[in-house]
Amino acid sequence: MLRLLKRCPHVARVLLCGALTLPAPFVFAADISPGDREAVFEGAGQACNQQMPEAIRQRAGAAAVLNFCSCYASEVARTITVEQVDALADTSRPLDAIPHYGETMRNAWRACEKRLLAKETAASWHPPER
């Protein structure tokens, strides 16, 4: 099912692009196979890295972008549902017809923004000297 995603990078890119298109309630992931989870992780990480705007890449640096995209891919792979995985494998199905797909992607993006911004803020914050 997700072997198709590995062979079709345009489908993998959709994981990131679709993140901003479909509002829906949050859904917790059903169990997907370890192989499918790995394929989703790889596809989402690749899509995130490829779609990251150059301005952000220059400002944040390559290591920060890779760290963010790894977090994002992990969150997507952790929360995507079997139904969403099956729908993504069906390239004839439009993204907006995949239940809760956009919310899964947005939630992963936001979770990593919060997590990484919190780490950066904590690392750069120093208590005032007395």
C-alpha atoms as a PDB file:
ATOM      1  CA  MET A   1       0.000   0.000   0.000  1.00  0.00           C
ATOM      2  CA  LEU A   2       2.640   2.574   0.909  1.00  0.00           C
ATOM      3  CA  ARG A   3       5.215   1.125  -1.418  1.00  0.00           C
ATOM      4  CA  LEU A   4       3.549   3.398  -3.941  1.00  0.00           C
ATOM      5  CA  LEU A   5       4.429   6.430  -1.786  1.00  0.00           C
ATOM      6  CA  LYS A   6       8.104   5.513  -1.866  1.00  0.00           C
ATOM      7  CA  ARG A   7       8.025   5.292  -5.656  1.00  0.00           C
ATOM      8  CA  CYS A   8       5.989   8.467  -6.154  1.00  0.00           C
ATOM      9  CA  PRO A   9       7.686  11.501  -4.600  1.00  0.00           C
ATOM     10  CA  HIS A  10       4.801  13.739  -5.726  1.00  0.00           C
ATOM     11  CA  VAL A  11       2.508  11.777  -3.410  1.00  0.00           C
ATOM     12  CA  ALA A  12       4.972  12.201  -0.550  1.00  0.00           C
ATOM     13  CA  ARG A  13       5.026  15.958  -1.122  1.00  0.00           C
ATOM     14  CA  VAL A  14       1.286  15.999  -0.744  1.00  0.00           C
ATOM     15  CA  LEU A  15       1.736  15.079   2.917  1.00  0.00           C
ATOM     16  CA  LEU A  16       3.104  18.551   3.517  1.00  0.00           C
ATOM     17  CA  CYS A  17       1.107  20.519   0.971  1.00  0.00           C
ATOM     18  CA  GLY A  18      -2.202  19.123   2.143  1.00  0.00           C
ATOM     19  CA  ALA A  19      -1.507  20.209   5.691  1.00  0.00           C
ATOM     20  CA  LEU A  20      -3.082  23.596   5.132  1.00  0.00           C
ATOM     21  CA  THR A  21      -6.110  22.635   3.066  1.00  0.00           C
ATOM     22  CA  LEU A  22      -8.678  20.654   5.034  1.00  0.00           C
ATOM     23  CA  PRO A  23     -10.043  21.629   8.447  1.00  0.00           C
ATOM     24  CA  ALA A  24     -11.437  18.672  10.384  1.00  0.00           C
ATOM     25  CA  PRO A  25     -11.599  17.349  13.930  1.00  0.00           C
ATOM     26  CA  PHE A  26      -8.511  15.654  15.364  1.00  0.00           C
ATOM     27  CA  VAL A  27      -8.383  11.875  15.029  1.00  0.00           C
ATOM     28  CA  PHE A  28      -6.067   9.539  16.913  1.00  0.00           C
ATOM     29  CA  ALA A  29      -4.168   7.049  14.789  1.00  0.00           C
ATOM     30  CA  ALA A  30      -5.275   3.495  14.333  1.00  0.00           C
ATOM     31  CA  ASP A  31      -2.528   0.917  14.213  1.00  0.00           C
ATOM     32  CA  ILE A  32      -0.751   0.781  10.897  1.00  0.00           C
ATOM     33  CA  SER A  33       1.960  -1.693  10.005  1.00  0.00           C
ATOM     34  CA  PRO A  34       5.571  -0.865  10.902  1.00  0.00           C
ATOM     35  CA  GLY A  35       6.439  -0.857   7.199  1.00  0.00           C
ATOM     36  CA  ASP A  36       3.658   1.595   6.401  1.00  0.00           C
ATOM     37  CA  ARG A  37       4.626   3.764   9.370  1.00  0.00           C
ATOM     38  CA  GLU A  38       8.237   3.852   8.122  1.00  0.00           C
ATOM     39  CA  ALA A  39       7.087   4.749   4.600  1.00  0.00           C
ATOM     40  CA  VAL A  40       4.934   7.577   5.987  1.00  0.00           C
ATOM     41  CA  PHE A  41       7.867   8.791   8.100  1.00  0.00           C
ATOM     42  CA  GLU A  42      10.184   8.810   5.086  1.00  0.00           C
ATOM     43  CA  GLY A  43       7.633  10.462   2.792  1.00  0.00           C
ATOM     44  CA  ALA A  44       6.649  13.158   5.271  1.00  0.00           C
ATOM     45  CA  GLY A  45      10.282  13.913   6.124  1.00  0.00           C
ATOM     46  CA  GLN A  46      11.248  14.155   2.468  1.00  0.00           C
ATOM     47  CA  ALA A  47       8.232  16.327   1.659  1.00  0.00           C
ATOM     48  CA  CYS A  48       8.916  18.641   4.599  1.00  0.00           C
ATOM     49  CA  ASN A  49      12.556  19.063   3.632  1.00  0.00           C
ATOM     50  CA  GLN A  50      11.764  19.650  -0.050  1.00  0.00           C
ATOM     51  CA  GLN A  51       8.968  22.121   0.649  1.00  0.00           C
ATOM     52  CA  MET A  52      10.742  24.165   3.326  1.00  0.00           C
ATOM     53  CA  PRO A  53      11.034  27.737   2.003  1.00  0.00           C
ATOM     54  CA  GLU A  54      14.590  28.804   1.222  1.00  0.00           C
ATOM     55  CA  ALA A  55      14.233  31.900   3.407  1.00  0.00           C
ATOM     56  CA  ILE A  56      13.516  29.728   6.455  1.00  0.00           C
ATOM     57  CA  ARG A  57      16.298  27.320   5.503  1.00  0.00           C
ATOM     58  CA  GLN A  58      18.789  30.217   5.313  1.00  0.00           C
ATOM     59  CA  ARG A  59      17.612  31.819   8.554  1.00  0.00           C
ATOM     60  CA  ALA A  60      17.335  28.647  10.643  1.00  0.00           C
ATOM     61  CA  GLY A  61      20.127  26.582   9.128  1.00  0.00           C
ATOM     62  CA  ALA A  62      20.218  23.098   7.672  1.00  0.00           C
ATOM     63  CA  ALA A  63      20.453  21.328  11.036  1.00  0.00           C
ATOM     64  CA  ALA A  64      17.366  23.099  12.407  1.00  0.00           C
ATOM     65  CA  VAL A  65      15.365  22.298   9.259  1.00  0.00           C
ATOM     66  CA  LEU A  66      16.352  18.630   9.427  1.00  0.00           C
ATOM     67  CA  ASN A  67      15.481  18.542  13.136  1.00  0.00           C
ATOM     68  CA  PHE A  68      12.079  20.112  12.455  1.00  0.00           C
ATOM     69  CA  CYS A  69      11.337  17.820   9.506  1.00  0.00           C
ATOM     70  CA  SER A  70      12.326  14.761  11.528  1.00  0.00           C
ATOM     71  CA  CYS A  71       9.951  15.840  14.293  1.00  0.00           C
ATOM     72  CA  TYR A  72       7.190  16.514  11.753  1.00  0.00           C
ATOM     73  CA  ALA A  73       7.642  13.167  10.012  1.00  0.00           C
ATOM     74  CA  SER A  74       7.612  11.365  13.341  1.00  0.00           C
ATOM     75  CA  GLU A  75       4.390  13.102  14.416  1.00  0.00           C
ATOM     76  CA  VAL A  76       2.686  12.347  11.102  1.00  0.00           C
ATOM     77  CA  ALA A  77       3.737   8.697  11.254  1.00  0.00           C
ATOM     78  CA  ARG A  78       2.587   8.487  14.870  1.00  0.00           C
ATOM     79  CA  THR A  79      -0.877   9.960  14.256  1.00  0.00           C
ATOM     80  CA  ILE A  80      -1.896   9.031  10.702  1.00  0.00           C
ATOM     81  CA  THR A  81      -4.783   6.563  10.481  1.00  0.00           C
ATOM     82  CA  VAL A  82      -5.109   3.386   8.432  1.00  0.00           C
ATOM     83  CA  GLU A  83      -7.924   5.031   6.476  1.00  0.00           C
ATOM     84  CA  GLN A  84      -5.682   7.988   5.621  1.00  0.00           C
ATOM     85  CA  VAL A  85      -2.801   5.710   4.604  1.00  0.00           C
ATOM     86  CA  ASP A  86      -5.090   3.678   2.346  1.00  0.00           C
ATOM     87  CA  ALA A  87      -6.527   6.853   0.811  1.00  0.00           C
ATOM     88  CA  LEU A  88      -3.058   8.285   0.127  1.00  0.00           C
ATOM     89  CA  ALA A  89      -2.096   5.086  -1.671  1.00  0.00           C
ATOM     90  CA  ASP A  90      -5.113   5.594  -3.966  1.00  0.00           C
ATOM     91  CA  THR A  91      -3.732   8.342  -6.213  1.00  0.00           C
ATOM     92  CA  SER A  92      -7.117   8.791  -7.909  1.00  0.00           C
ATOM     93  CA  ARG A  93      -8.639  10.064  -4.648  1.00  0.00           C
ATOM     94  CA  PRO A  94      -8.434  13.845  -4.128  1.00  0.00           C
ATOM     95  CA  LEU A  95      -6.752  14.991  -0.913  1.00  0.00           C
ATOM     96  CA  ASP A  96      -9.802  16.875   0.298  1.00  0.00           C
ATOM     97  CA  ALA A  97     -11.733  13.572   0.208  1.00  0.00           C
ATOM     98  CA  ILE A  98      -9.410  11.990   2.784  1.00  0.00           C
ATOM     99  CA  PRO A  99     -11.123  12.197   6.192  1.00  0.00           C
ATOM    100  CA  HIS A 100      -9.274  14.341   8.733  1.00  0.00           C
ATOM    101  CA  TYR A 101      -6.113  14.337   6.607  1.00  0.00           C
ATOM    102  CA  GLY A 102      -5.435  18.071   6.820  1.00  0.00           C
ATOM    103  CA  GLU A 103      -5.910  18.121  10.564  1.00  0.00           C
ATOM    104  CA  THR A 104      -3.412  15.288  11.022  1.00  0.00           C
ATOM    105  CA  MET A 105      -0.799  17.241   9.064  1.00  0.00           C
ATOM    106  CA  ARG A 106      -1.532  20.578  10.781  1.00  0.00           C
ATOM    107  CA  ASN A 107      -1.407  19.025  14.234  1.00  0.00           C
ATOM    108  CA  ALA A 108       1.982  17.449  13.472  1.00  0.00           C
ATOM    109  CA  TRP A 109       3.315  20.787  12.191  1.00  0.00           C
ATOM    110  CA  ARG A 110       2.050  22.693  15.233  1.00  0.00           C
ATOM    111  CA  ALA A 111       3.351  20.110  17.699  1.00  0.00           C
ATOM    112  CA  CYS A 112       6.852  20.426  16.271  1.00  0.00           C
ATOM    113  CA  GLU A 113       6.699  24.213  16.130  1.00  0.00           C
ATOM    114  CA  LYS A 114       5.759  24.306  19.802  1.00  0.00           C
ATOM    115  CA  ARG A 115       8.283  21.656  20.829  1.00  0.00           C
ATOM    116  CA  LEU A 116      11.213  23.148  18.938  1.00  0.00           C
ATOM    117  CA  LEU A 117      10.388  26.769  19.773  1.00  0.00           C
ATOM    118  CA  ALA A 118      10.169  25.824  23.446  1.00  0.00           C
ATOM    119  CA  LYS A 119      13.594  24.143  23.262  1.00  0.00           C
ATOM    120  CA  GLU A 120      15.125  27.119  21.447  1.00  0.00           C
ATOM    121  CA  THR A 121      13.636  29.599  23.893  1.00  0.00           C
ATOM    122  CA  ALA A 122      14.794  27.580  26.904  1.00  0.00           C
ATOM    123  CA  ALA A 123      18.305  27.232  25.456  1.00  0.00           C
ATOM    124  CA  SER A 124      18.638  30.945  24.743  1.00  0.00           C
ATOM    125  CA  TRP A 125      17.038  32.183  27.961  1.00  0.00           C
ATOM    126  CA  HIS A 126      19.347  33.032  30.823  1.00  0.00           C
ATOM    127  CA  PRO A 127      18.100  34.077  34.245  1.00  0.00           C
ATOM    128  CA  PRO A 128      18.851  37.681  35.159  1.00  0.00           C
ATOM    129  CA  GLU A 129      22.020  38.194  37.132  1.00  0.00           C
ATOM    130  CA  ARG A 130      21.635  39.541  40.651  1.00  0.00           C
END
